[in-house]
């Protein structure tokens, strides 16, 4: 009798081949690109592992475990719906070197507290590591103060203690009911981002209230009243935004107050916060004002307000440092969220044709920075990486217009892409999109002119035009992945492309670097970010959206005799 198995095997093989054929054709018709999964995230920077993330909450040195605790806002609903039905939570990770990070776990659940008065989404706040004096706290466990959305959508302040040394905050204080509600708000609506710290023999809380910061005091961390019992107890724009016009720039967000020792030995309070200054051509960013506190703990400005990072995509920053305001810090470590609400939640593709599904996992953070306050009240930022974390991969100190360095061994050439003749110095194709570039320019003449740095990724680009004698510079960028937003418009891509100068011109800033015979510009690039560091500690951060994992780096100058010394490093733990 003849076996039936060969026939069955033939039929099975036929259906398998047919299924493979259908799937291959489905993939041809499906616009999802072939991208390297790793290139969608970051290589040596903190990034969300799943879903959306934004503001940093606190960076705390854990003395017992010898690492930093880091908290940031997170949404499982993803970048296409960050305020979706799941709500936002606090996510926790740890690091010893700001390159490798531990598994990301929920620190404060998106929903919790009292069944009727609890929170339905957990927003920005702060962690008090020294919980001495807070009612109901044993063993001095850290306490998180945070914004919670109530059932009606209004903003309120909650607190929750940790039972595991800061890994999570599961013990809601006051039975999970609000400590403060929006009735105390300056504008009756905005009431969020509490920053809590020790001041003298009590706790103070700074709360973002739209056009003002409310200041509250407590003896037990639970019951709060106005810090200035005889006044409004508000810090107004003429103080926190001193020297600038606050009109049309609300809301103020994410206040943080630290005491810093200047380079000449003076102790000053520094108020950090999120805002924008459209009149100055500045989109949302992190600002700071240097001053002191009055007897009630209200901030008084001593200097005009400055922008911490001059870029378009630096927000929701946070810092290390003591939560006792009497304890000064000679330097702080800071991270910022690489993001901008004007285009990050409109829909980001993974392909340059802008036809792929929208990415849901979006959330990136900057290079760790060491901040110092100089004698003039100006913060200087520098990358925190140690020498052992940098491996020199390429060095060439003999680059000039007559000896350009190119991937194709090109002869000297003139570039005209910047609307004027510029001498080609560098054109390196197909470099890894993650790297640490030091560009040292020397033999600069006082005749002025420009240094141009272009970084291309397919049709995407970032262009930096540095004006040699004035120290001003212009940054323009384009990202095809922002085209065809969720609403079908080009609004998000246009905002990224146009900036506040319009017509694709991006943004203009002043590095305040006045040295005219040489300059070192440091670029730190990763898949999703580009950061510029100037020698005087000024910085510029912007987001990138290409997923190729590659970039072309080009440098030109209008000065024919300018010399370039190039060093390229890998960053690693």
Foldseek 3Di string as FASTA:
>chain_A
DDDCVVVVVVVVVVVVVVVVVVVVVVVVVAPADDFDPDLQFWQFADFDPAFDWAFKAAWEQQPVVQKIKTKTKGANQFLQCRCDQQAIFIWIWIDNFRGDIHDIDTAGGQWDFDPQAAFNHWAHEYKAQQLPQAPPDPPSFIKTWTWGQHPVRAIFIWMFTDPPRRNHGDHTPPRRHGLGGLVLAPVSGAWTHWYWFADDQWIWIWTWRKFWTAIWIDRHNRHIDGLPPVDSRIGGCCFFQPPADCPPWIDKANWDWAWAAAPVGDIWIKIKIWIFHLVQLTAIAIKIFIAHADPSGDTGGPDHMDGQARARFWDSKYWYHHRHRVDYDQKIKMKTKRHDPQQSNQFFGQDLQLNHHGDRRGTTMDAIWIWGQHPVRDIFIDGPHDPVQKDWDDWDFFWALQRAEEPVRDGWDWDCPVVDTWTWTYKYWWAFQFWKKKKKKFQFDPPWWWKWKWKDDPPWIWIWTATQAQQKIWIAIAASRRALTPVGHSSSRQCRQQRSVGPRRHGMDHPPDHDRGMWMWMWGGISFKIKIATPRRHIYIHTYRHRHSTMIITMIIRDRGMTIIMIMIDGHD
